Protein backbone atom coordinates (compact mmCIF):
# COMPACT_ATOMS: atom_id res chain seq x y z
CA MET A 1 81.91 113.65 119.50
CA SER A 2 83.72 116.90 120.23
CA VAL A 3 82.91 118.77 123.34
CA PRO A 4 80.16 121.43 122.84
CA ILE A 5 81.75 124.83 122.36
CA THR A 6 79.72 128.07 123.25
CA SER A 7 82.71 130.25 123.69
CA PRO A 8 81.59 132.39 120.76
CA GLN A 9 78.55 133.25 122.94
CA PHE A 10 80.46 134.32 125.95
CA LYS A 11 78.75 137.63 126.21
CA GLY A 12 75.44 136.15 126.27
CA ASN A 13 76.52 133.46 128.60
CA ALA A 14 77.91 136.19 130.97
CA LYS A 15 74.85 138.15 131.01
CA ALA A 16 72.80 135.09 131.83
CA ALA A 17 75.30 134.27 134.65
CA LEU A 18 74.99 137.78 136.09
CA LYS A 19 71.24 137.38 136.37
CA ASP A 20 71.43 133.94 137.98
CA VAL A 21 70.83 134.63 141.70
CA GLN A 22 71.80 131.19 142.78
CA LEU A 23 74.94 131.22 140.88
CA GLN A 24 75.90 134.46 142.22
CA ARG A 25 75.47 133.28 145.75
CA ALA A 26 77.52 130.22 144.98
CA LEU A 27 80.41 132.15 143.53
CA GLY A 28 80.90 133.84 146.90
CA LYS A 29 82.36 130.55 148.05
CA VAL A 30 85.36 131.10 145.73
CA GLU A 31 86.66 134.06 147.75
CA SER A 32 85.86 132.59 151.16
CA GLY A 33 87.09 129.13 150.28
CA PHE A 34 90.21 129.80 148.33
CA ILE A 35 91.62 133.26 148.35
CA GLY A 36 92.06 133.69 152.11
CA LYS A 37 93.41 130.12 152.68
CA ARG A 38 96.05 130.52 149.99
CA ALA A 39 97.21 133.82 151.52
CA GLN A 40 97.46 132.25 154.99
CA VAL A 41 99.31 129.10 153.93
CA ALA A 42 101.73 130.90 151.69
CA ALA A 43 102.53 133.35 154.52
CA ARG A 44 103.43 130.43 156.72
CA LEU A 45 106.07 129.28 154.32
CA PRO A 46 109.03 131.70 154.15
CA GLU A 47 110.50 130.19 151.02
CA PHE A 48 107.21 130.23 148.94
CA GLU A 49 108.32 132.84 146.61
CA GLN A 50 111.60 130.98 145.96
CA LEU A 51 109.80 127.79 145.51
CA ARG A 52 107.59 129.50 142.74
CA ASP A 53 110.86 130.49 140.98
CA LEU A 54 112.03 126.98 141.21
CA ALA A 55 108.87 125.50 139.92
CA ARG A 56 108.88 127.98 136.88
CA ASP A 57 112.49 127.12 136.14
CA ILE A 58 111.84 123.30 136.34
CA LYS A 59 108.96 123.61 133.85
CA ASP A 60 110.86 125.85 131.54
CA HIS A 61 113.82 123.45 131.50
CA THR A 62 111.51 120.46 130.77
CA LEU A 63 109.78 122.35 127.95
CA ALA A 64 113.17 123.21 126.43
CA HIS A 65 113.99 119.52 126.33
CA LEU A 66 110.50 117.99 126.16
CA ASP A 67 111.37 115.35 123.52
CA LEU A 68 114.14 113.90 125.55
CA TYR A 69 112.12 113.75 128.68
CA LEU A 70 109.19 112.13 126.97
CA GLU A 71 111.40 109.49 125.45
CA ALA A 72 112.94 108.79 128.85
CA TYR A 73 109.53 108.53 130.38
CA GLU A 74 108.41 106.07 127.84
CA ALA A 75 111.48 103.98 128.41
CA ARG A 76 110.95 103.83 132.13
CA VAL A 77 107.29 102.91 131.71
CA LYS A 78 108.01 100.07 129.46
CA GLU A 79 110.80 98.80 131.78
CA SER A 80 108.17 98.62 134.55
CA GLY A 81 105.72 96.55 132.39
CA GLY A 82 103.55 99.39 131.21
CA HIS A 83 102.57 100.63 127.77
CA VAL A 84 102.72 104.18 126.27
CA HIS A 85 100.29 105.34 123.48
CA TRP A 86 101.07 108.53 121.55
CA ALA A 87 97.88 110.34 120.50
CA ALA A 88 98.26 113.37 118.22
CA THR A 89 94.63 114.31 118.38
CA ALA A 90 91.64 114.02 120.61
CA GLU A 91 90.18 111.41 118.19
CA ASP A 92 93.33 109.42 118.46
CA ALA A 93 93.11 109.43 122.22
CA ARG A 94 89.50 108.31 122.31
CA LYS A 95 90.17 105.43 119.90
CA ILE A 96 93.14 104.21 121.93
CA ILE A 97 91.18 104.08 125.17
CA LEU A 98 88.07 102.57 123.58
CA ASP A 99 90.31 99.87 122.01
CA ILE A 100 91.75 98.95 125.41
CA CYS A 101 88.28 98.81 126.97
CA LYS A 102 86.88 96.60 124.17
CA ARG A 103 89.77 94.20 124.28
CA LEU A 104 89.25 93.87 128.06
CA GLU A 105 85.43 93.45 127.40
CA ALA A 106 84.78 96.34 129.79
CA LYS A 107 81.19 97.18 130.70
CA THR A 108 81.88 99.88 133.26
CA VAL A 109 84.79 102.34 133.69
CA THR A 110 85.48 104.42 136.88
CA LYS A 111 87.20 107.73 136.25
CA GLY A 112 89.27 110.08 138.45
CA LYS A 113 88.90 113.73 137.76
CA SER A 114 90.64 114.61 134.46
CA MET A 115 90.34 117.79 132.58
CA ILE A 116 91.97 116.08 129.54
CA ALA A 117 89.09 113.63 129.49
CA GLU A 118 86.82 116.57 129.38
CA GLU A 119 88.82 118.13 126.56
CA ILE A 120 88.49 115.03 124.33
CA GLY A 121 84.82 114.25 125.23
CA LEU A 122 85.79 110.76 126.58
CA ASN A 123 82.55 109.93 128.49
CA ALA A 124 80.33 110.63 125.53
CA HIS A 125 82.60 108.48 123.34
CA LEU A 126 82.50 105.51 125.75
CA SER A 127 78.81 105.82 126.31
CA GLU A 128 78.07 105.68 122.63
CA ALA A 129 80.11 102.39 122.46
CA GLY A 130 77.97 100.82 125.22
CA ILE A 131 80.48 101.25 128.02
CA VAL A 132 79.30 103.13 131.22
CA PRO A 133 81.73 105.82 132.48
CA ILE A 134 81.35 106.74 136.15
CA GLU A 135 83.01 109.78 137.57
CA THR A 136 84.32 109.15 141.10
CA ASP A 137 85.40 112.56 142.18
CA LEU A 138 82.43 113.86 144.18
CA GLY A 139 82.21 117.15 142.27
CA GLU A 140 82.54 115.35 138.87
CA TYR A 141 79.93 112.65 140.01
CA ILE A 142 77.43 115.44 140.80
CA ILE A 143 77.83 117.29 137.53
CA GLN A 144 77.71 114.01 135.63
CA LEU A 145 74.23 113.42 137.27
CA ARG A 146 73.30 116.82 135.94
CA ASP A 147 74.86 116.33 132.51
CA GLU A 148 76.87 119.48 133.01
CA ALA A 149 80.44 120.38 132.32
CA PRO A 150 82.79 121.45 135.16
CA SER A 151 82.74 125.09 136.06
CA HIS A 152 86.08 125.01 137.86
CA ILE A 153 89.07 122.80 137.23
CA ILE A 154 89.51 121.81 140.86
CA ALA A 155 86.06 122.32 142.20
CA PRO A 156 83.72 121.19 139.30
CA ALA A 157 80.41 121.66 141.17
CA ILE A 158 81.22 124.99 142.95
CA HIS A 159 78.35 126.64 141.11
CA LEU A 160 75.82 124.38 142.92
CA ASN A 161 74.27 124.49 146.32
CA LYS A 162 73.31 121.72 148.83
CA GLU A 163 69.59 121.82 147.92
CA GLN A 164 70.43 121.29 144.24
CA ILE A 165 72.70 118.37 144.98
CA GLU A 166 70.05 116.88 147.30
CA ALA A 167 67.43 116.99 144.61
CA ASP A 168 69.77 115.26 142.17
CA PHE A 169 70.59 112.54 144.57
CA ARG A 170 66.94 111.93 145.22
CA ARG A 171 66.23 111.94 141.47
CA VAL A 172 68.94 109.34 140.50
CA HIS A 173 69.35 107.23 143.65
CA THR A 174 65.84 105.91 143.41
CA ASP A 175 66.78 102.54 145.07
CA LEU A 176 67.29 104.25 148.34
CA PRO A 177 64.44 105.15 150.87
CA PRO A 178 62.80 108.39 149.93
CA GLU A 179 62.45 109.37 153.60
CA ARG A 180 66.22 109.30 154.27
CA ASN A 181 67.66 112.47 155.73
CA LEU A 182 69.92 114.42 153.31
CA ASP A 183 69.93 117.70 155.12
CA GLU A 184 73.51 117.81 155.97
CA PRO A 185 76.58 117.80 153.66
CA ALA A 186 77.90 114.83 155.64
CA SER A 187 74.81 112.77 154.75
CA LEU A 188 75.23 113.64 151.08
CA MET A 189 78.92 112.64 151.15
CA ALA A 190 78.02 109.27 152.86
CA GLU A 191 75.39 108.51 150.25
CA ALA A 192 77.83 109.21 147.42
CA ARG A 193 80.46 107.20 148.98
CA ALA A 194 78.20 104.11 149.43
CA VAL A 195 76.93 104.39 145.93
CA LEU A 196 80.38 104.86 144.43
CA ARG A 197 81.95 102.09 146.42
CA GLU A 198 79.82 99.52 144.45
CA LYS A 199 80.88 101.17 141.24
CA PHE A 200 84.63 100.84 142.17
CA LEU A 201 84.21 97.08 142.87
CA ALA A 202 82.45 96.41 139.68
CA ALA A 203 84.64 98.41 137.29
CA ASP A 204 86.60 96.73 134.61
CA VAL A 205 88.93 99.60 133.80
CA GLY A 206 90.04 102.68 135.76
CA ILE A 207 91.01 105.97 134.04
CA THR A 208 92.74 108.68 135.77
CA GLY A 209 94.48 111.87 134.62
CA ALA A 210 97.93 112.83 135.90
CA ASN A 211 99.21 115.92 137.75
CA PHE A 212 102.75 114.89 136.84
CA LEU A 213 104.70 112.17 134.86
CA ILE A 214 108.19 111.57 136.14
CA ALA A 215 110.80 110.89 133.43
CA GLU A 216 113.30 109.46 135.88
CA THR A 217 110.95 106.57 137.11
CA GLY A 218 108.07 106.25 134.60
CA THR A 219 105.71 107.25 137.44
CA SER A 220 102.41 109.00 137.20
CA VAL A 221 101.31 111.20 140.00
CA ILE A 222 97.74 112.17 141.00
CA VAL A 223 96.73 114.64 143.63
CA THR A 224 93.34 114.25 145.25
CA ASN A 225 91.54 114.90 148.55
CA GLU A 226 88.97 111.98 148.44
CA GLY A 227 90.98 108.83 147.76
CA ASN A 228 88.91 108.06 144.80
CA GLY A 229 91.95 108.16 142.46
CA ASP A 230 93.58 105.25 144.36
CA LEU A 231 90.47 103.08 144.21
CA THR A 232 90.04 103.91 140.49
CA GLN A 233 93.50 102.75 139.50
CA THR A 234 94.12 99.70 141.92
CA LEU A 235 90.92 97.73 141.72
CA PRO A 236 90.08 97.30 138.02
CA LYS A 237 91.81 95.08 135.50
CA ALA A 238 93.68 97.85 133.86
CA HIS A 239 94.63 101.48 134.92
CA VAL A 240 94.78 104.01 132.03
CA VAL A 241 96.47 107.28 132.54
CA LEU A 242 95.36 110.00 130.27
CA ALA A 243 97.73 112.97 130.21
CA SER A 244 98.97 115.78 127.92
CA ILE A 245 102.59 115.82 126.95
CA GLU A 246 103.52 118.83 128.98
CA LYS A 247 102.78 117.01 132.26
CA VAL A 248 106.27 115.39 132.20
CA VAL A 249 109.03 116.59 134.69
CA PRO A 250 112.44 115.29 134.92
CA THR A 251 112.91 113.77 138.49
CA LEU A 252 111.20 112.89 141.76
CA GLU A 253 113.01 115.83 143.41
CA ASP A 254 111.43 118.14 140.88
CA VAL A 255 107.97 116.89 141.56
CA SER A 256 108.56 117.32 145.30
CA THR A 257 109.34 120.96 144.68
CA ILE A 258 106.31 121.68 142.46
CA LEU A 259 103.95 119.80 144.98
CA ARG A 260 105.00 122.43 147.62
CA VAL A 261 103.35 125.12 145.59
CA LEU A 262 100.52 123.24 143.99
CA ALA A 263 98.16 122.54 147.00
CA ARG A 264 98.99 125.80 148.57
CA SER A 265 98.00 127.68 145.48
CA ALA A 266 94.94 125.49 144.64
CA THR A 267 93.13 124.85 148.05
CA GLY A 268 95.18 126.52 150.66
CA GLN A 269 96.49 123.15 151.94
CA GLU A 270 100.11 122.48 152.65
CA ILE A 271 99.60 119.24 150.77
CA SER A 272 96.66 117.35 149.40
CA VAL A 273 95.12 114.51 151.51
CA TYR A 274 96.31 111.94 148.91
CA THR A 275 99.35 112.24 146.60
CA THR A 276 99.68 108.87 144.80
CA PHE A 277 102.67 107.79 142.81
CA SER A 278 101.92 104.86 140.43
CA THR A 279 104.57 102.89 138.45
CA GLY A 280 103.52 100.10 136.17
CA PRO A 281 101.04 97.29 136.60
CA ARG A 282 100.82 94.96 139.57
CA ARG A 283 104.06 92.89 140.10
CA ALA A 284 104.05 89.21 141.08
CA ASP A 285 104.44 89.88 144.79
CA ASP A 286 102.11 92.85 144.90
CA PRO A 287 98.92 92.24 147.07
CA ASP A 288 96.83 94.52 144.71
CA GLY A 289 97.04 96.76 141.71
CA PRO A 290 95.94 96.57 137.98
CA GLY A 291 96.93 93.87 135.74
CA GLU A 292 97.69 96.35 132.92
CA TYR A 293 99.10 99.84 133.01
CA HIS A 294 98.61 102.22 130.01
CA VAL A 295 99.56 105.81 129.43
CA VAL A 296 98.00 107.76 126.73
CA LEU A 297 100.03 110.83 126.01
CA LEU A 298 98.01 113.60 124.19
CA ASP A 299 99.36 116.33 121.97
CA ASN A 300 96.14 117.97 120.65
CA GLY A 301 97.82 121.29 119.75
CA ARG A 302 100.46 121.37 122.52
CA SER A 303 103.41 120.95 120.04
CA SER A 304 102.27 124.08 118.06
CA MET A 305 102.28 126.06 121.35
CA LEU A 306 105.63 124.74 122.32
CA SER A 307 107.16 126.41 119.26
CA GLY A 308 105.09 129.69 119.54
CA GLN A 309 104.59 132.64 121.66
CA PHE A 310 102.11 130.85 123.97
CA ARG A 311 104.80 128.39 125.17
CA GLU A 312 104.75 129.72 128.63
CA MET A 313 101.01 128.55 129.08
CA LEU A 314 102.43 124.99 129.05
CA ARG A 315 103.96 125.61 132.48
CA CYS A 316 100.38 125.47 133.88
CA ILE A 317 99.97 122.92 136.82
CA ARG A 318 96.18 123.27 136.91
CA CYS A 319 95.89 124.70 140.34
CA GLY A 320 93.06 127.09 139.56
CA ALA A 321 94.65 130.00 141.52
CA CYS A 322 94.23 132.33 138.62
CA MET A 323 90.46 131.86 138.40
CA ASN A 324 90.11 132.02 142.17
CA HIS A 325 91.44 135.44 142.11
CA CYS A 326 90.02 136.69 138.85
CA PRO A 327 87.18 139.31 139.17
CA VAL A 328 85.68 138.21 135.89
CA TYR A 329 85.55 134.53 136.79
CA GLY A 330 84.28 135.55 140.25
CA ALA A 331 81.37 137.47 138.49
CA VAL A 332 80.25 135.03 135.86
CA GLY A 333 81.62 131.57 136.84
CA GLY A 334 83.15 128.85 134.68
CA HIS A 335 80.27 127.84 132.30
CA ALA A 336 80.23 131.32 130.78
CA TYR A 337 83.59 130.55 129.11
CA GLY A 338 81.90 128.10 126.98
CA TRP A 339 84.41 125.09 126.93
CA VAL A 340 86.58 123.01 129.22
CA TYR A 341 88.99 125.58 130.61
CA PRO A 342 87.57 128.71 132.40
CA GLY A 343 89.22 131.87 133.92
CA PRO A 344 92.46 133.43 132.85
CA MET A 345 94.14 130.10 132.01
CA GLY A 346 91.32 129.29 129.83
CA ALA A 347 91.35 132.68 128.11
CA VAL A 348 94.99 131.74 126.93
CA LEU A 349 94.61 127.92 126.48
CA THR A 350 91.18 127.76 124.87
CA PRO A 351 92.12 129.82 121.75
CA SER A 352 95.30 127.84 121.40
CA LEU A 353 93.45 124.58 121.27
CA ILE A 354 90.19 125.45 119.39
CA GLY A 355 91.17 128.63 117.64
CA VAL A 356 90.87 132.42 118.33
CA ASP A 357 88.01 132.60 115.73
CA LYS A 358 85.91 130.45 118.23
CA ALA A 359 87.31 131.73 121.51
CA GLY A 360 88.34 135.43 120.80
CA HIS A 361 85.90 136.78 123.39
CA LEU A 362 87.85 134.97 126.22
CA PRO A 363 91.14 137.00 126.13
CA ASN A 364 88.96 140.15 126.01
CA ALA A 365 87.16 139.18 129.17
CA SER A 366 89.95 140.37 131.38
CA THR A 367 90.47 143.55 133.37
CA PHE A 368 94.27 143.09 133.09
CA CYS A 369 94.39 143.66 136.82
CA GLY A 370 97.25 141.21 137.01
CA ARG A 371 96.04 139.15 139.91
CA CYS A 372 96.26 135.97 137.98
CA GLU A 373 99.99 136.44 137.18
CA GLU A 374 100.44 137.64 140.78
CA VAL A 375 99.25 134.35 142.26
CA CYS A 376 100.33 131.80 139.50
CA PRO A 377 102.66 129.27 141.19
CA VAL A 378 104.74 128.96 138.14
CA ARG A 379 104.59 132.58 137.26
CA ILE A 380 102.87 132.44 133.82
CA PRO A 381 102.48 135.97 132.45
CA LEU A 382 98.83 135.46 131.67
CA PRO A 383 97.95 139.17 130.89
CA LYS A 384 100.85 139.32 128.35
CA LEU A 385 99.48 136.14 126.80
CA MET A 386 95.96 137.39 126.66
CA ARG A 387 97.26 140.54 124.97
CA HIS A 388 99.02 138.40 122.32
CA TRP A 389 95.62 136.84 121.43
CA ARG A 390 93.91 140.39 121.36
CA GLU A 391 96.63 141.32 118.89
CA ARG A 392 96.06 138.23 116.71
CA GLU A 393 92.34 138.81 116.75
CA PHE A 394 92.90 142.34 115.58
CA GLU A 395 95.24 141.42 112.91
CA ARG A 396 92.76 138.89 111.57
CA HIS A 397 89.93 141.23 111.65
CA LEU A 398 87.92 139.05 113.95
CA SER A 399 87.28 141.80 116.50
CA PRO A 400 84.13 143.94 115.77
CA ALA A 401 84.54 146.75 113.17
CA THR A 402 83.55 149.34 115.87
CA VAL A 403 86.49 148.19 117.98
CA ARG A 404 88.94 148.25 115.15
CA THR A 405 87.70 151.67 114.04
CA GLY A 406 87.95 153.02 117.63
CA LEU A 407 91.56 151.69 118.00
CA GLY A 408 92.48 153.09 114.64
CA PHE A 409 91.18 156.49 115.61
CA TRP A 410 93.09 156.37 118.91
CA ALA A 411 96.34 155.22 117.08
CA PHE A 412 96.06 158.10 114.57
CA PHE A 413 96.34 160.57 117.63
CA ALA A 414 98.87 158.34 119.59
CA ARG A 415 101.40 158.55 116.62
CA ARG A 416 101.13 162.36 116.74
CA PRO A 417 102.17 163.51 120.30
CA ARG A 418 101.37 167.09 119.81
CA LEU A 419 98.00 166.48 118.37
CA TYR A 420 97.28 163.80 121.08
CA ARG A 421 98.13 166.37 123.88
CA TRP A 422 96.00 169.01 122.19
CA ALA A 423 93.01 166.78 121.69
CA THR A 424 93.06 165.16 125.21
CA GLN A 425 93.38 168.50 126.93
CA ARG A 426 90.32 169.71 125.15
CA ALA A 427 88.40 166.57 125.80
CA MET A 428 89.25 166.86 129.47
CA ARG A 429 87.85 170.44 129.66
CA PHE A 430 84.75 169.34 127.78
CA LEU A 431 84.02 166.42 130.17
CA ALA A 432 84.64 168.67 133.14
CA LEU A 433 82.16 171.16 131.76
CA PHE A 434 79.68 168.49 130.76
CA GLY A 435 79.70 167.07 134.25
CA GLY A 436 79.25 170.33 136.01
CA ASN A 437 79.38 170.21 139.74
CA ARG A 438 77.79 166.80 140.12
CA GLY A 439 81.10 164.99 140.78
CA ARG A 440 79.96 161.92 138.69
CA MET A 441 78.19 161.47 135.38
CA HIS A 442 75.28 159.03 134.83
CA TRP A 443 75.46 159.27 131.09
CA LEU A 444 78.27 159.81 128.60
CA PRO A 445 78.16 159.85 124.90
CA PHE A 446 79.68 156.79 123.26
CA ALA A 447 80.14 155.18 126.76
CA GLY A 448 76.65 153.72 127.32
CA GLY A 449 78.27 150.23 128.13
CA TRP A 450 80.05 151.82 131.06
CA THR A 451 77.49 154.30 132.41
CA ARG A 452 74.59 151.80 132.09
CA HIS A 453 75.97 149.94 135.04
CA ARG A 454 78.13 152.50 136.96
CA ASP A 455 78.82 156.23 137.18
CA PHE A 456 81.68 157.90 135.37
CA PRO A 457 83.78 160.22 137.62
CA ILE A 458 84.18 163.76 136.54
CA PRO A 459 87.88 164.11 135.27
CA GLU A 460 90.24 166.86 136.19
CA ARG A 461 90.30 169.73 133.86
CA GLU A 462 93.76 169.02 132.94
CA THR A 463 95.37 165.81 131.63
CA PHE A 464 98.03 163.95 133.56
CA GLN A 465 100.61 165.03 131.01
CA VAL A 466 99.73 168.73 131.63
CA GLN A 467 99.72 168.39 135.42
CA TRP A 468 103.00 166.48 135.26
CA ALA A 469 104.62 169.13 133.23
CA LYS A 470 103.28 171.85 135.56
CA ARG A 471 104.69 169.81 138.50
CA LYS A 472 108.06 169.46 136.94
CA LYS A 473 108.18 173.12 135.99
CA ALA A 474 107.24 174.19 139.54
CA GLU A 475 110.03 171.80 140.98
CA ALA A 476 112.57 173.23 138.53
CA LYS A 477 111.51 176.75 139.58
CA ALA A 478 111.79 175.81 143.30
CA VAL A 479 115.24 174.23 142.54
CA ALA A 480 116.38 177.39 140.66
CA GLU A 481 115.11 179.73 143.51
CA ALA A 482 116.85 177.60 146.23
CA ASP A 483 120.02 177.72 144.21
CA ALA A 484 119.82 181.42 143.75
CA ASN A 485 119.05 181.96 147.51
CA ALA A 486 121.97 179.73 148.32
CA ARG A 487 124.21 181.74 146.04
CA ARG A 488 123.04 185.02 147.38
CA ALA A 489 123.62 183.80 150.91
CA ALA A 490 127.12 182.59 150.01
CA GLU A 491 128.03 185.99 148.42
CA ALA A 492 126.59 187.82 151.52
CA ALA A 493 128.74 185.58 153.79
CA ALA A 494 131.79 186.24 151.83
CA LYS A 495 131.26 189.82 151.72
CA ASP A 496 130.76 189.89 155.46
CA LYS A 497 133.94 187.87 155.98
CA ALA A 498 135.96 190.27 153.84
CA GLU A 499 134.70 193.33 155.69
CA ALA A 500 135.53 191.67 158.96
CA ALA A 501 139.08 191.09 157.77
CA GLN A 502 139.63 194.75 157.04
């Protein structure tokens, strides 16, 4: 029932992704579709950096008092006529949701996009029980037709092109005329809308995730661009909100602050097309809405993170900015990461949830360029957290023996500064002689992994430390000479003044 995990095969996944011509072409949309738009919309908001600080502080304050805010949220939900269910594990959450569906004799369930539902393998669990889950986010609907996992947390089907989607629609929508025109994205969208509209009307239960849970009012908030979330939660008999415990925030004002950085960081919009606030089931005088309102709060390892050194990861608001700007994600895509959460945020969160023994490759799949931390709307220090996982992997002897041996060899020299300087200086001279006058080396001993794909530049004959020492010595000499010249000039002036006085 658990979600298939291929994170241990990350290297093989990545090699396959690099050879996938169509995937490489599709990944070009990440830079053109997200990075530039974020930069433009952030530049138009003078207080954007200040809002990032406020969003970070709101999340930190909430995490410091998470138990109190969760209790307050539960009380407000109950006051509005809703129900709160606490799920310690993925299995608990699946059982709670299935029990609700069975009690309501549900045959079909519509779902808004939810990474937590992916995390707990909800679709497979419902299907095994004879209940048909239908993804209503267009990207999620497309990958459901293909029986694939999302490759991005906000753009699940970003790895696909129009031709692939058209082929899937023709394969699955067999009741529609085969001669219909699906050449344009607009026609694909219209067909999906027509098919899904029938599913919305027939659904017995609607399940959504939640971007935020507001302790002050007992409200769940979803952010979408398609309106599918609204139809999912208002038309069926019951609305089930599935969210992890760190999604709670104290007040409506706090949500308003975070929303100002969320869409800008995610899609380059000032705000998403739909931002929906839901509080409880339909009231007596409401024209529509669900008859029942349930919130399933999932822990699944978050409490352990809360008390450990990966607590800052719980600030994440799932905007996807880190993966949009990550050169590694941009090269291999999301499926290579082998589980639900890709990119830098996945490199920290996945080991926290499934163990570093299964996901140890992910925090190592980083150049540590720092772009992820630079753009994170809540300023999560992702490179630092990935480094912590690398340290744990090393301590538990999970990293390859060659890596541990190499690091041990380097550490031996690093703890002995004089020996380190002596060895590195001679290594630099050797590399300079080995490279000759070519400027770049096409092969280097013990560095085949590098030179197999790129040239290695010929280093200077002297290390940075030697060059720095020479520079400082030259500067000190220049200062001393200047002082000496100034002193001689002053002495000469004094002598001339004395002679003139006589």
